[in-house]
Structure formats: C-alpha cells, structure tokens
C-alpha atoms as a PDB file:
ATOM      1  CA  UNK A   1       6.544  18.758  -4.992  1.00  0.00           C
ATOM      2  CA  UNK A   2       6.282  18.108  -0.959  1.00  0.00           C
ATOM      3  CA  UNK A   3       2.652  18.326  -0.582  1.00  0.00           C
ATOM      4  CA  UNK A   4       1.708  17.893  -4.084  1.00  0.00           C
ATOM      5  CA  UNK A   5       3.215  14.069  -4.873  1.00  0.00           C
ATOM      6  CA  UNK A   6       4.308  11.564  -2.211  1.00  0.00           C
ATOM      7  CA  UNK A   7       7.660  12.069  -2.731  1.00  0.00           C
ATOM      8  CA  UNK A   8       8.701   8.550  -1.760  1.00  0.00           C
ATOM      9  CA  UNK A   9       7.112   7.293  -4.939  1.00  0.00           C
ATOM     10  CA  UNK A  10       7.481   9.616  -7.220  1.00  0.00           C
ATOM     11  CA  UNK A  11      10.505   8.308  -8.839  1.00  0.00           C
ATOM     12  CA  UNK A  12      13.273   5.763  -7.951  1.00  0.00           C
ATOM     13  CA  UNK A  13      15.652   8.264  -7.479  1.00  0.00           C
ATOM     14  CA  UNK A  14      13.256   9.928  -4.951  1.00  0.00           C
ATOM     15  CA  UNK A  15      13.166   6.116  -2.692  1.00  0.00           C
ATOM     16  CA  UNK A  16      16.652   6.180  -2.840  1.00  0.00           C
ATOM     17  CA  UNK A  17      17.155   9.920  -0.934  1.00  0.00           C
ATOM     18  CA  UNK A  18      13.871   9.156   1.459  1.00  0.00           C
ATOM     19  CA  UNK A  19      15.727   5.956   1.945  1.00  0.00           C
ATOM     20  CA  UNK A  20      19.179   7.172   2.515  1.00  0.00           C
ATOM     21  CA  UNK A  21      20.704   5.985  -0.028  1.00  0.00           C
ATOM     22  CA  UNK A  22      21.674   9.955  -1.296  1.00  0.00           C
ATOM     23  CA  UNK A  23      25.163   8.021  -2.836  1.00  0.00           C
ATOM     24  CA  UNK A  24      23.598   5.758  -4.783  1.00  0.00           C
ATOM     25  CA  UNK A  25      20.628   8.182  -6.310  1.00  0.00           C
ATOM     26  CA  UNK A  26      23.809  10.384  -7.555  1.00  0.00           C
ATOM     27  CA  UNK A  27      25.097   6.996  -9.118  1.00  0.00           C
ATOM     28  CA  UNK A  28      22.106   6.405 -10.487  1.00  0.00           C
ATOM     29  CA  UNK A  29      21.890  10.269 -11.965  1.00  0.00           C
ATOM     30  CA  UNK A  30      24.699   9.847 -13.831  1.00  0.00           C
ATOM     31  CA  UNK A  31      24.117   6.279 -15.203  1.00  0.00           C
ATOM     32  CA  UNK A  32      21.140   7.908 -16.884  1.00  0.00           C
ATOM     33  CA  UNK A  33      22.647  10.885 -18.338  1.00  0.00           C
ATOM     34  CA  UNK A  34      25.836   8.601 -19.364  1.00  0.00           C
ATOM     35  CA  UNK A  35      23.065   6.638 -21.123  1.00  0.00           C
ATOM     36  CA  UNK A  36      21.068   9.498 -22.588  1.00  0.00           C
ATOM     37  CA  UNK A  37      24.354  10.880 -24.098  1.00  0.00           C
ATOM     38  CA  UNK A  38      25.838   8.069 -25.213  1.00  0.00           C
ATOM     39  CA  UNK A  39      26.729   7.939 -28.248  1.00  0.00           C
ATOM     40  CA  UNK A  40      25.462   4.104 -28.628  1.00  0.00           C
ATOM     41  CA  UNK A  41      23.240   4.599 -25.580  1.00  0.00           C
ATOM     42  CA  UNK A  42      25.296   3.103 -23.036  1.00  0.00           C
ATOM     43  CA  UNK A  43      24.737   3.530 -19.615  1.00  0.00           C
ATOM     44  CA  UNK A  44      27.320   3.915 -16.767  1.00  0.00           C
ATOM     45  CA  UNK A  45      26.806   0.078 -15.058  1.00  0.00           C
ATOM     46  CA  UNK A  46      27.155  -1.405 -19.344  1.00  0.00           C
ATOM     47  CA  UNK A  47      30.094   0.474 -19.251  1.00  0.00           C
ATOM     48  CA  UNK A  48      31.514  -1.122 -16.382  1.00  0.00           C
ATOM     49  CA  UNK A  49      30.760  -4.562 -17.516  1.00  0.00           C
ATOM     50  CA  UNK A  50      32.216  -4.195 -20.192  1.00  0.00           C
ATOM     51  CA  UNK A  51      35.260  -2.673 -18.466  1.00  0.00           C
ATOM     52  CA  UNK A  52      35.365   0.581 -19.569  1.00  0.00           C
ATOM     53  CA  UNK A  53      36.185  -0.247 -23.059  1.00  0.00           C
ATOM     54  CA  UNK A  54      34.114   0.757 -25.860  1.00  0.00           C
ATOM     55  CA  UNK A  55      32.137  -1.308 -27.668  1.00  0.00           C
ATOM     56  CA  UNK A  56      29.067   0.050 -30.041  1.00  0.00           C
ATOM     57  CA  UNK A  57      25.659  -2.085 -29.545  1.00  0.00           C
ATOM     58  CA  UNK A  58      26.303  -2.383 -25.807  1.00  0.00           C
ATOM     59  CA  UNK A  59      28.550  -4.776 -23.014  1.00  0.00           C
ATOM     60  CA  UNK A  60      30.179  -7.990 -25.033  1.00  0.00           C
ATOM     61  CA  UNK A  61      33.171  -9.791 -25.086  1.00  0.00           C
ATOM     62  CA  UNK A  62      35.966  -7.872 -26.435  1.00  0.00           C
ATOM     63  CA  UNK A  63      38.346  -9.053 -28.806  1.00  0.00           C
ATOM     64  CA  UNK A  64      40.503  -7.861 -30.693  1.00  0.00           C
ATOM     65  CA  UNK A  65      42.912  -8.611 -33.528  1.00  0.00           C
ATOM     66  CA  UNK A  66      46.952  -9.222 -33.246  1.00  0.00           C
ATOM     67  CA  UNK A  67      47.325  -8.300 -29.665  1.00  0.00           C
ATOM     68  CA  UNK A  68      45.664  -4.577 -30.894  1.00  0.00           C
ATOM     69  CA  UNK A  69      44.728  -2.767 -27.042  1.00  0.00           C
ATOM     70  CA  UNK A  70      41.208  -2.070 -27.277  1.00  0.00           C
ATOM     71  CA  UNK A  71      39.759   1.353 -27.603  1.00  0.00           C
ATOM     72  CA  UNK A  72      38.952   2.864 -23.750  1.00  0.00           C
ATOM     73  CA  UNK A  73      35.350   4.679 -23.351  1.00  0.00           C
ATOM     74  CA  UNK A  74      36.556   8.395 -23.749  1.00  0.00           C
ATOM     75  CA  UNK A  75      32.552   9.067 -21.402  1.00  0.00           C
ATOM     76  CA  UNK A  76      33.989   7.203 -19.137  1.00  0.00           C
ATOM     77  CA  UNK A  77      37.851   8.798 -19.392  1.00  0.00           C
ATOM     78  CA  UNK A  78      35.566  11.859 -19.102  1.00  0.00           C
ATOM     79  CA  UNK A  79      33.903  10.529 -15.443  1.00  0.00           C
ATOM     80  CA  UNK A  80      37.513  10.169 -13.757  1.00  0.00           C
ATOM     81  CA  UNK A  81      38.533  14.116 -14.314  1.00  0.00           C
ATOM     82  CA  UNK A  82      35.156  14.808 -11.184  1.00  0.00           C
ATOM     83  CA  UNK A  83      34.553  11.221  -9.484  1.00  0.00           C
ATOM     84  CA  UNK A  84      36.694   8.598  -8.542  1.00  0.00           C
ATOM     85  CA  UNK A  85      36.931   5.839  -9.735  1.00  0.00           C
ATOM     86  CA  UNK A  86      35.673   3.338  -7.165  1.00  0.00           C
ATOM     87  CA  UNK A  87      32.403   5.436  -7.312  1.00  0.00           C
ATOM     88  CA  UNK A  88      31.441   4.794 -10.571  1.00  0.00           C
ATOM     89  CA  UNK A  89      32.630   1.527 -10.318  1.00  0.00           C
ATOM     90  CA  UNK A  90      29.966  -0.619  -9.155  1.00  0.00           C
ATOM     91  CA  UNK A  91      31.067  -3.769  -7.355  1.00  0.00           C
ATOM     92  CA  UNK A  92      28.155  -7.426  -7.426  1.00  0.00           C
ATOM     93  CA  UNK A  93      27.457  -6.630  -4.372  1.00  0.00           C
ATOM     94  CA  UNK A  94      26.389  -2.860  -4.970  1.00  0.00           C
ATOM     95  CA  UNK A  95      24.576  -4.155  -7.957  1.00  0.00           C
ATOM     96  CA  UNK A  96      22.825  -6.061  -6.084  1.00  0.00           C
ATOM     97  CA  UNK A  97      21.293  -3.649  -3.385  1.00  0.00           C
ATOM     98  CA  UNK A  98      20.527  -1.602  -6.383  1.00  0.00           C
ATOM     99  CA  UNK A  99      18.215  -4.034  -7.811  1.00  0.00           C
ATOM    100  CA  UNK A 100      16.979  -5.022  -4.322  1.00  0.00           C
ATOM    101  CA  UNK A 101      15.662  -0.766  -3.731  1.00  0.00           C
ATOM    102  CA  UNK A 102      14.152  -1.048  -7.375  1.00  0.00           C
ATOM    103  CA  UNK A 103      11.893  -3.718  -6.072  1.00  0.00           C
ATOM    104  CA  UNK A 104      10.706  -2.171  -2.784  1.00  0.00           C
ATOM    105  CA  UNK A 105      10.271   1.143  -4.589  1.00  0.00           C
ATOM    106  CA  UNK A 106       7.835  -0.920  -7.107  1.00  0.00           C
ATOM    107  CA  UNK A 107       6.627  -2.986  -4.106  1.00  0.00           C
ATOM    108  CA  UNK A 108       5.822   0.136  -1.875  1.00  0.00           C
ATOM    109  CA  UNK A 109       4.472   1.975  -5.165  1.00  0.00           C
ATOM    110  CA  UNK A 110       1.675  -1.301  -5.358  1.00  0.00           C
ATOM    111  CA  UNK A 111       1.230  -1.035  -1.512  1.00  0.00           C
ATOM    112  CA  UNK A 112      -0.024   2.574  -2.236  1.00  0.00           C
ATOM    113  CA  UNK A 113      -2.422   2.273  -4.941  1.00  0.00           C
ATOM    114  CA  UNK A 114      -4.257  -0.422  -2.391  1.00  0.00           C
ATOM    115  CA  UNK A 115      -4.386   2.678  -0.075  1.00  0.00           C
ATOM    116  CA  UNK A 116      -5.779   4.893  -2.817  1.00  0.00           C
ATOM    117  CA  UNK A 117      -8.365   2.650  -3.117  1.00  0.00           C
ATOM    118  CA  UNK A 118      -9.320   2.456   0.277  1.00  0.00           C
ATOM    119  CA  UNK A 119      -9.196   5.755   0.981  1.00  0.00           C
ATOM    120  CA  UNK A 120     -11.226   6.649  -1.981  1.00  0.00           C
ATOM    121  CA  UNK A 121     -14.598   5.085  -1.484  1.00  0.00           C
ATOM    122  CA  UNK A 122     -14.402   4.162   2.639  1.00  0.00           C
ATOM    123  CA  UNK A 123     -17.611   6.260   2.109  1.00  0.00           C
ATOM    124  CA  UNK A 124     -18.813   4.912  -0.684  1.00  0.00           C
ATOM    125  CA  UNK A 125     -21.643   2.006   0.676  1.00  0.00           C
ATOM    126  CA  UNK A 126     -22.799   0.411  -1.972  1.00  0.00           C
ATOM    127  CA  UNK A 127     -18.660  -0.623  -2.662  1.00  0.00           C
ATOM    128  CA  UNK A 128     -18.580  -2.434   1.354  1.00  0.00           C
ATOM    129  CA  UNK A 129     -17.560  -5.449  -0.810  1.00  0.00           C
ATOM    130  CA  UNK A 130     -15.161  -4.158  -2.790  1.00  0.00           C
ATOM    131  CA  UNK A 131     -13.376  -2.170   0.074  1.00  0.00           C
ATOM    132  CA  UNK A 132     -13.175  -5.419   2.084  1.00  0.00           C
ATOM    133  CA  UNK A 133     -12.171  -7.195  -0.438  1.00  0.00           C
ATOM    134  CA  UNK A 134      -9.112  -4.646  -1.488  1.00  0.00           C
ATOM    135  CA  UNK A 135      -8.345  -4.619   2.339  1.00  0.00           C
ATOM    136  CA  UNK A 136      -8.041  -8.376   2.173  1.00  0.00           C
ATOM    137  CA  UNK A 137      -5.818  -8.588  -0.413  1.00  0.00           C
ATOM    138  CA  UNK A 138      -3.734  -5.938   0.465  1.00  0.00           C
ATOM    139  CA  UNK A 139      -3.202  -7.561   4.144  1.00  0.00           C
ATOM    140  CA  UNK A 140      -2.422 -10.537   2.016  1.00  0.00           C
ATOM    141  CA  UNK A 141       0.201  -9.312  -0.551  1.00  0.00           C
ATOM    142  CA  UNK A 142       1.706  -7.690   2.834  1.00  0.00           C
ATOM    143  CA  UNK A 143       2.461 -11.326   3.573  1.00  0.00           C
ATOM    144  CA  UNK A 144       3.334 -12.286   0.364  1.00  0.00           C
ATOM    145  CA  UNK A 145       6.239 -10.054   0.908  1.00  0.00           C
ATOM    146  CA  UNK A 146       7.788 -10.988   4.027  1.00  0.00           C
ATOM    147  CA  UNK A 147       7.682 -14.721   2.952  1.00  0.00           C
ATOM    148  CA  UNK A 148      10.171 -13.574  -0.136  1.00  0.00           C
ATOM    149  CA  UNK A 149      12.173 -11.372   2.263  1.00  0.00           C
ATOM    150  CA  UNK A 150      12.600 -14.351   4.818  1.00  0.00           C
ATOM    151  CA  UNK A 151      13.197 -16.974   1.645  1.00  0.00           C
ATOM    152  CA  UNK A 152      15.982 -14.660   0.422  1.00  0.00           C
ATOM    153  CA  UNK A 153      17.624 -14.696   3.921  1.00  0.00           C
ATOM    154  CA  UNK A 154      17.884 -10.911   3.759  1.00  0.00           C
ATOM    155  CA  UNK A 155      20.403 -10.113   6.474  1.00  0.00           C
ATOM    156  CA  UNK A 156      18.711  -6.732   6.729  1.00  0.00           C
ATOM    157  CA  UNK A 157      14.874  -8.237   6.493  1.00  0.00           C
ATOM    158  CA  UNK A 158      13.787  -5.969   9.525  1.00  0.00           C
ATOM    159  CA  UNK A 159      15.602  -2.718   7.885  1.00  0.00           C
ATOM    160  CA  UNK A 160      13.702  -3.493   4.418  1.00  0.00           C
ATOM    161  CA  UNK A 161      10.080  -3.869   6.137  1.00  0.00           C
ATOM    162  CA  UNK A 162      10.616  -0.861   7.911  1.00  0.00           C
ATOM    163  CA  UNK A 163      11.516   0.643   4.649  1.00  0.00           C
ATOM    164  CA  UNK A 164       8.784  -0.321   2.837  1.00  0.00           C
ATOM    165  CA  UNK A 165       6.284  -0.442   5.347  1.00  0.00           C
ATOM    166  CA  UNK A 166       4.878   3.264   4.949  1.00  0.00           C
ATOM    167  CA  UNK A 167       1.496   1.935   4.964  1.00  0.00           C
ATOM    168  CA  UNK A 168       0.625  -0.906   7.302  1.00  0.00           C
ATOM    169  CA  UNK A 169      -0.068   0.584   9.985  1.00  0.00           C
ATOM    170  CA  UNK A 170      -2.069   2.910   7.765  1.00  0.00           C
ATOM    171  CA  UNK A 171      -4.201   0.401   6.916  1.00  0.00           C
ATOM    172  CA  UNK A 172      -5.169  -0.807   9.691  1.00  0.00           C
ATOM    173  CA  UNK A 173      -6.499   1.774  10.927  1.00  0.00           C
ATOM    174  CA  UNK A 174      -8.655   2.846   7.803  1.00  0.00           C
ATOM    175  CA  UNK A 175     -10.897  -0.399   8.429  1.00  0.00           C
ATOM    176  CA  UNK A 176     -10.911   1.172  12.461  1.00  0.00           C
ATOM    177  CA  UNK A 177     -12.576   3.987  10.951  1.00  0.00           C
ATOM    178  CA  UNK A 178     -15.249   2.101   8.552  1.00  0.00           C
ATOM    179  CA  UNK A 179     -16.468   0.241  12.063  1.00  0.00           C
ATOM    180  CA  UNK A 180     -16.268   3.992  14.106  1.00  0.00           C
ATOM    181  CA  UNK A 181     -18.762   4.661  11.675  1.00  0.00           C
ATOM    182  CA  UNK A 182     -21.069   2.064  11.202  1.00  0.00           C
ATOM    183  CA  UNK A 183     -21.241   2.144  15.295  1.00  0.00           C
ATOM    184  CA  UNK A 184     -21.824   5.875  15.434  1.00  0.00           C
ATOM    185  CA  UNK A 185     -24.342   5.154  13.336  1.00  0.00           C
ATOM    186  CA  UNK A 186     -25.917   2.223  15.299  1.00  0.00           C
ATOM    187  CA  UNK A 187     -25.817   4.304  18.493  1.00  0.00           C
ATOM    188  CA  UNK A 188     -27.683   7.132  16.861  1.00  0.00           C
ATOM    189  CA  UNK A 189     -30.003   5.001  15.549  1.00  0.00           C
ATOM    190  CA  UNK A 190     -30.985   2.330  17.503  1.00  0.00           C
ATOM    191  CA  UNK A 191     -33.190   4.158  19.831  1.00  0.00           C
ATOM    192  CA  UNK A 192     -34.997   5.586  16.751  1.00  0.00           C
ATOM    193  CA  UNK A 193     -39.410   5.479  16.712  1.00  0.00           C
ATOM    194  CA  UNK A 194     -38.843   4.813  13.533  1.00  0.00           C
ATOM    195  CA  UNK A 195     -38.756   1.382  11.926  1.00  0.00           C
ATOM    196  CA  UNK A 196     -36.513   2.035   9.056  1.00  0.00           C
ATOM    197  CA  UNK A 197     -33.808   4.218  11.193  1.00  0.00           C
ATOM    198  CA  UNK A 198     -33.732   0.940  13.939  1.00  0.00           C
ATOM    199  CA  UNK A 199     -33.516  -1.273  10.679  1.00  0.00           C
ATOM    200  CA  UNK A 200     -30.382   1.216   9.398  1.00  0.00           C
ATOM    201  CA  UNK A 201     -28.667   0.786  12.959  1.00  0.00           C
ATOM    202  CA  UNK A 202     -29.079  -2.981  12.826  1.00  0.00           C
ATOM    203  CA  UNK A 203     -27.554  -3.236   9.654  1.00  0.00           C
ATOM    204  CA  UNK A 204     -24.545  -0.951  10.786  1.00  0.00           C
ATOM    205  CA  UNK A 205     -24.300  -3.603  13.945  1.00  0.00           C
ATOM    206  CA  UNK A 206     -24.267  -6.852  11.649  1.00  0.00           C
ATOM    207  CA  UNK A 207     -21.575  -4.693   9.485  1.00  0.00           C
ATOM    208  CA  UNK A 208     -19.376  -3.969  12.273  1.00  0.00           C
ATOM    209  CA  UNK A 209     -19.662  -7.159  13.648  1.00  0.00           C
ATOM    210  CA  UNK A 210     -18.910  -8.717  10.346  1.00  0.00           C
ATOM    211  CA  UNK A 211     -15.448  -6.155   9.739  1.00  0.00           C
ATOM    212  CA  UNK A 212     -14.567  -6.717  13.499  1.00  0.00           C
ATOM    213  CA  UNK A 213     -14.659 -10.817  13.364  1.00  0.00           C
ATOM    214  CA  UNK A 214     -13.153 -10.532   9.633  1.00  0.00           C
ATOM    215  CA  UNK A 215     -10.546  -8.339   9.753  1.00  0.00           C
ATOM    216  CA  UNK A 216      -9.672  -7.155  13.491  1.00  0.00           C
ATOM    217  CA  UNK A 217      -7.870  -8.970  16.190  1.00  0.00           C
ATOM    218  CA  UNK A 218     -10.491  -9.330  19.020  1.00  0.00           C
ATOM    219  CA  UNK A 219      -7.107  -7.853  21.252  1.00  0.00           C
ATOM    220  CA  UNK A 220      -7.438  -4.072  20.003  1.00  0.00           C
ATOM    221  CA  UNK A 221      -9.516  -1.889  21.631  1.00  0.00           C
ATOM    222  CA  UNK A 222     -11.827  -1.382  19.478  1.00  0.00           C
ATOM    223  CA  UNK A 223     -13.019  -4.797  19.119  1.00  0.00           C
ATOM    224  CA  UNK A 224     -13.845  -4.724  22.189  1.00  0.00           C
ATOM    225  CA  UNK A 225     -15.847  -1.598  22.602  1.00  0.00           C
ATOM    226  CA  UNK A 226     -17.502  -3.097  20.208  1.00  0.00           C
ATOM    227  CA  UNK A 227     -18.262  -6.386  21.734  1.00  0.00           C
ATOM    228  CA  UNK A 228     -18.866  -4.132  24.867  1.00  0.00           C
ATOM    229  CA  UNK A 229     -21.295  -2.252  22.874  1.00  0.00           C
ATOM    230  CA  UNK A 230     -23.638  -4.140  21.021  1.00  0.00           C
ATOM    231  CA  UNK A 231     -24.276  -5.906  24.556  1.00  0.00           C
ATOM    232  CA  UNK A 232     -25.705  -2.878  25.391  1.00  0.00           C
ATOM    233  CA  UNK A 233     -27.334  -2.201  22.909  1.00  0.00           C
ATOM    234  CA  UNK A 234     -28.834  -6.151  22.736  1.00  0.00           C
ATOM    235  CA  UNK A 235     -29.316  -5.728  26.614  1.00  0.00           C
ATOM    236  CA  UNK A 236     -31.546  -2.452  25.914  1.00  0.00           C
ATOM    237  CA  UNK A 237     -33.849  -4.281  23.296  1.00  0.00           C
ATOM    238  CA  UNK A 238     -34.454  -6.935  25.521  1.00  0.00           C
ATOM    239  CA  UNK A 239     -35.553  -4.862  28.019  1.00  0.00           C
ATOM    240  CA  UNK A 240     -38.538  -3.389  26.079  1.00  0.00           C
ATOM    241  CA  UNK A 241     -40.671  -6.997  26.135  1.00  0.00           C
ATOM    242  CA  UNK A 242     -41.517  -5.400  29.513  1.00  0.00           C
ATOM    243  CA  UNK A 243     -41.938  -1.632  28.247  1.00  0.00           C
ATOM    244  CA  UNK A 244     -45.320  -0.424  27.883  1.00  0.00           C
ATOM    245  CA  UNK A 245     -45.975   1.328  24.255  1.00  0.00           C
ATOM    246  CA  UNK A 246     -43.175  -0.045  22.791  1.00  0.00           C
ATOM    247  CA  UNK A 247     -42.889   0.335  19.146  1.00  0.00           C
ATOM    248  CA  UNK A 248     -39.974  -2.522  19.217  1.00  0.00           C
ATOM    249  CA  UNK A 249     -41.172  -5.569  17.257  1.00  0.00           C
ATOM    250  CA  UNK A 250     -40.189  -9.006  18.996  1.00  0.00           C
ATOM    251  CA  UNK A 251     -37.600  -9.563  15.939  1.00  0.00           C
ATOM    252  CA  UNK A 252     -35.754  -6.829  16.303  1.00  0.00           C
ATOM    253  CA  UNK A 253     -35.219  -8.289  19.848  1.00  0.00           C
ATOM    254  CA  UNK A 254     -34.299 -11.366  19.110  1.00  0.00           C
ATOM    255  CA  UNK A 255     -32.295 -10.271  15.909  1.00  0.00           C
ATOM    256  CA  UNK A 256     -29.796  -8.272  18.560  1.00  0.00           C
ATOM    257  CA  UNK A 257     -29.635 -11.056  20.507  1.00  0.00           C
ATOM    258  CA  UNK A 258     -28.881 -13.729  17.687  1.00  0.00           C
ATOM    259  CA  UNK A 259     -25.823 -11.200  16.628  1.00  0.00           C
ATOM    260  CA  UNK A 260     -24.377 -10.808  20.012  1.00  0.00           C
ATOM    261  CA  UNK A 261     -24.736 -14.737  20.425  1.00  0.00           C
ATOM    262  CA  UNK A 262     -22.544 -15.383  17.555  1.00  0.00           C
ATOM    263  CA  UNK A 263     -20.225 -12.448  17.890  1.00  0.00           C
ATOM    264  CA  UNK A 264     -19.695 -13.741  21.914  1.00  0.00           C
ATOM    265  CA  UNK A 265     -19.263 -17.375  20.092  1.00  0.00           C
ATOM    266  CA  UNK A 266     -17.175 -16.268  16.969  1.00  0.00           C
ATOM    267  CA  UNK A 267     -20.050 -18.649  15.110  1.00  0.00           C
ATOM    268  CA  UNK A 268     -21.535 -16.996  12.213  1.00  0.00           C
ATOM    269  CA  UNK A 269     -23.552 -17.785   9.253  1.00  0.00           C
ATOM    270  CA  UNK A 270     -21.782 -17.771   5.805  1.00  0.00           C
ATOM    271  CA  UNK A 271     -24.768 -14.946   5.114  1.00  0.00           C
ATOM    272  CA  UNK A 272     -23.658 -12.634   7.682  1.00  0.00           C
ATOM    273  CA  UNK A 273     -19.941 -12.583   6.591  1.00  0.00           C
ATOM    274  CA  UNK A 274     -18.113 -11.197   3.907  1.00  0.00           C
ATOM    275  CA  UNK A 275     -16.939 -13.639   0.941  1.00  0.00           C
ATOM    276  CA  UNK A 276     -12.944 -13.286   0.137  1.00  0.00           C
ATOM    277  CA  UNK A 277     -12.110 -13.671  -3.781  1.00  0.00           C
ATOM    278  CA  UNK A 278      -7.929 -13.544  -3.351  1.00  0.00           C
ATOM    279  CA  UNK A 279      -6.109 -13.042  -6.823  1.00  0.00           C
ATOM    280  CA  UNK A 280      -5.446 -10.205  -8.579  1.00  0.00           C
ATOM    281  CA  UNK A 281      -7.834 -10.463 -11.367  1.00  0.00           C
ATOM    282  CA  UNK A 282     -10.842 -10.077  -8.675  1.00  0.00           C
ATOM    283  CA  UNK A 283      -8.799  -6.955  -7.577  1.00  0.00           C
ATOM    284  CA  UNK A 284     -11.389  -3.219  -9.033  1.00  0.00           C
ATOM    285  CA  UNK A 285      -9.921  -2.701 -12.407  1.00  0.00           C
ATOM    286  CA  UNK A 286      -8.841   0.895 -11.695  1.00  0.00           C
ATOM    287  CA  UNK A 287      -6.140  -0.872  -9.293  1.00  0.00           C
ATOM    288  CA  UNK A 288      -5.171  -4.016 -11.900  1.00  0.00           C
ATOM    289  CA  UNK A 289      -4.681  -1.214 -14.043  1.00  0.00           C
ATOM    290  CA  UNK A 290      -2.200   0.913 -12.175  1.00  0.00           C
ATOM    291  CA  UNK A 291      -0.426  -2.488 -10.904  1.00  0.00           C
ATOM    292  CA  UNK A 292       0.205  -2.433 -14.284  1.00  0.00           C
ATOM    293  CA  UNK A 293       1.547   0.960 -15.121  1.00  0.00           C
ATOM    294  CA  UNK A 294       3.904   0.824 -12.041  1.00  0.00           C
ATOM    295  CA  UNK A 295       5.593  -2.789 -13.012  1.00  0.00           C
ATOM    296  CA  UNK A 296       6.261  -1.356 -16.252  1.00  0.00           C
ATOM    297  CA  UNK A 297       8.179   1.341 -14.670  1.00  0.00           C
ATOM    298  CA  UNK A 298      11.859   1.760 -15.970  1.00  0.00           C
ATOM    299  CA  UNK A 299      13.128   3.145 -12.649  1.00  0.00           C
ATOM    300  CA  UNK A 300      16.809   4.488 -14.055  1.00  0.00           C
ATOM    301  CA  UNK A 301      14.383   7.107 -16.165  1.00  0.00           C
ATOM    302  CA  UNK A 302      14.498  10.472 -15.683  1.00  0.00           C
ATOM    303  CA  UNK A 303      10.540  11.609 -14.010  1.00  0.00           C
ATOM    304  CA  UNK A 304      10.106  15.520 -14.850  1.00  0.00           C
ATOM    305  CA  UNK A 305       7.103  17.354 -13.878  1.00  0.00           C
ATOM    306  CA  UNK A 306       3.695  15.876 -12.588  1.00  0.00           C
ATOM    307  CA  UNK A 307       1.948  13.214 -13.793  1.00  0.00           C
ATOM    308  CA  UNK A 308      -1.562  13.945 -12.482  1.00  0.00           C
ATOM    309  CA  UNK A 309      -2.238  10.008 -13.853  1.00  0.00           C
ATOM    310  CA  UNK A 310       0.613   8.981 -11.434  1.00  0.00           C
ATOM    311  CA  UNK A 311      -0.234   6.974  -8.308  1.00  0.00           C
ATOM    312  CA  UNK A 312       2.118   8.395  -6.062  1.00  0.00           C
ATOM    313  CA  UNK A 313      -0.244  11.900  -6.965  1.00  0.00           C
ATOM    314  CA  UNK A 314      -3.486  10.367  -6.520  1.00  0.00           C
ATOM    315  CA  UNK A 315      -2.433   8.741  -3.888  1.00  0.00           C
ATOM    316  CA  UNK A 316      -1.930  12.430  -1.721  1.00  0.00           C
ATOM    317  CA  UNK A 317      -5.100  13.559  -3.116  1.00  0.00           C
ATOM    318  CA  UNK A 318      -6.868  10.526  -1.795  1.00  0.00           C
ATOM    319  CA  UNK A 319      -5.098  10.931   1.381  1.00  0.00           C
ATOM    320  CA  UNK A 320      -6.122  14.464   1.577  1.00  0.00           C
ATOM    321  CA  UNK A 321      -9.851  13.301   0.971  1.00  0.00           C
ATOM    322  CA  UNK A 322      -9.662  10.895   3.459  1.00  0.00           C
ATOM    323  CA  UNK A 323      -8.624  13.196   6.147  1.00  0.00           C
ATOM    324  CA  UNK A 324     -11.123  16.118   5.030  1.00  0.00           C
ATOM    325  CA  UNK A 325     -14.067  13.601   5.224  1.00  0.00           C
ATOM    326  CA  UNK A 326     -13.146  11.999   8.246  1.00  0.00           C
ATOM    327  CA  UNK A 327     -11.283  14.344  10.376  1.00  0.00           C
ATOM    328  CA  UNK A 328      -8.670  12.678  10.486  1.00  0.00           C
ATOM    329  CA  UNK A 329      -5.310  14.438  11.454  1.00  0.00           C
ATOM    330  CA  UNK A 330      -2.100  14.772  10.066  1.00  0.00           C
ATOM    331  CA  UNK A 331      -0.207  11.663   9.634  1.00  0.00           C
ATOM    332  CA  UNK A 332       3.571  11.740  10.644  1.00  0.00           C
ATOM    333  CA  UNK A 333       5.410   9.806   7.613  1.00  0.00           C
ATOM    334  CA  UNK A 334       3.377  12.271   5.228  1.00  0.00           C
ATOM    335  CA  UNK A 335       5.038  12.726   2.355  1.00  0.00           C
END
C-alpha cells in the first residue's frame, strides 16, 4: 500500500495509526467486526451505550417484566474473554475524541482534493484562473478550519492543526513553482529578436506580478526576487530608447515601466488581477464530486484494496506527476 496511496487519508483506521492513536484504531476494528457479526447488526459502541444488554434493533431503554434481569449481550461477554472491560467501554471523553478524529480525517482528505487539482493542472495555462481560484479557496478553507477550532476552545488546537496540516506549506510552494515558471519564461524571452516572444515574456511578467501580489506575502524571498527582476528588465527596456537599431517598440518600454510602477505601489487595475469567486459552487466539478464522496464516507467501515477513483490514490499519483514534471525532490511527509 505504501507508495501507492497516501496512507493517512486511505482510511480512518490508517489516519488513527498515523496520528499515534493505534489503540483507538484497534478499538475501531473491534467495533466494526462486532457490527458485521452481531445478529442484530449492533456495533460495540451501541452495545456499550446499551449497558451491555441485548436489545434487538439497537440501543434503547431496556425494560423488563416482574424485575426479570435483562439478557446480557453474548457478543460482549465473549469479548471480555480477550479484552479488558475498561478498554472495550469508551467513556464520553473518548467517544468525543473519536468523533473529532473522524472530522479531522475528512478535513485532511478534502484538503488533498484541492492539492490534487493543483498538482494535475499547474502546467495547464488555459486553466490558470481556475488554478489560482482553487488555491485561494483552499487557503480560505484552511482559515475556516482554524476559526472552527478556535470556536470550540479546544485545549489541544495546535496539535489538531498539525495533524491536518500536511499540505498547508506545500500549497504555498506550488504557487511559488508557478511564479518561478513565469519568471523563467520572462527571463528567457524578454530580449528575443521576435516580437511574439517578447510579448509572451511580458504576459508572463504580468501573470507573475498578479500571482505575487495576490497570493504571496511581500516579505517572502520570491516576492522580493520578482520585484528586483522586474526592475532590472524595465531598466533594460528603458535603455533601448537610446540604443541604435533597437527593434523594441515604445509601447513595450511603457508596458514594463507601468507594470513596475504598479507593483511597487501595490496599485493594480482590476483588469491586471485575478477575479476570485468564493464558494464551493465555483469550484471545478471534479473537486466538488470528490468532496461529496468524502463527506459520505462511513469512517468505521473497513476499506479493502485500492480504489483508483479514491482521493488517496489520485492524490499520490498527482503528487508524483508534479514531482516528475517540475523536478521536485521527495517531500519528507509523503505517505
């Protein structure tokens, strides 16, 4: 399985193991086995809530006639031969912890869907607006999760954020790769003899400017590097005014100087920026479909084999493709 799927989002049981909750993972296995084998389909949790008494149809108030003792659940009695009763009985705090971990698992799985789209489409320039919008929505989703954890006053909020923060730093690095691609194209073509190549360089300069301004903190190195590179190119174009036999058009010179001025002043025209559309309804269909699948996951159920349509499989393949196409080294937290 390792190297084929992203184990932490493969199943809820794997998520528990990867987050140092192997004891809970084992309990979940017992819970599901009991549910599948119990003659009335009761899970271990349902039996525990029913005070270990046999009640066909599920947990409910147990009543008897003439003070006859209720029938003890034989499945639970059998488990006691192999497990300590205190281990089988989840208390309220442990049950709440398990529920919170289920939400974490789904949250991390949803994050992986956003990342998959970015990995697969980073080099697909016709989809640049969708790429940037997905990234911005991903960052918005991360902020919403942080706000939710704050509202719950979780004593271990930092630990929870770390458990579901696998992709947060990587998302920023993806956008930096996109910016570097545009800067590289700009540097390769801005001095070209053919106007079409120089125009392509200018388009890359505009795109990189918008990406830096809208997605990168100005204190980041890549932001400062782009600003310096843009200034140097604008200066080169300005010198072409006095260069004999230069093929550079006056409009080209004005374009770079205008872009440099706007970037330094942080004042862009609306037409020079990306238009973000917030809300899940504006996400690409492939993302929305995967998010619905994740929301419908029954965390306790066993997952057998590899589903090539599942987010955990698609994510790892997208990541490997991204590494190959962009010559990115192995990232420490893979798998």
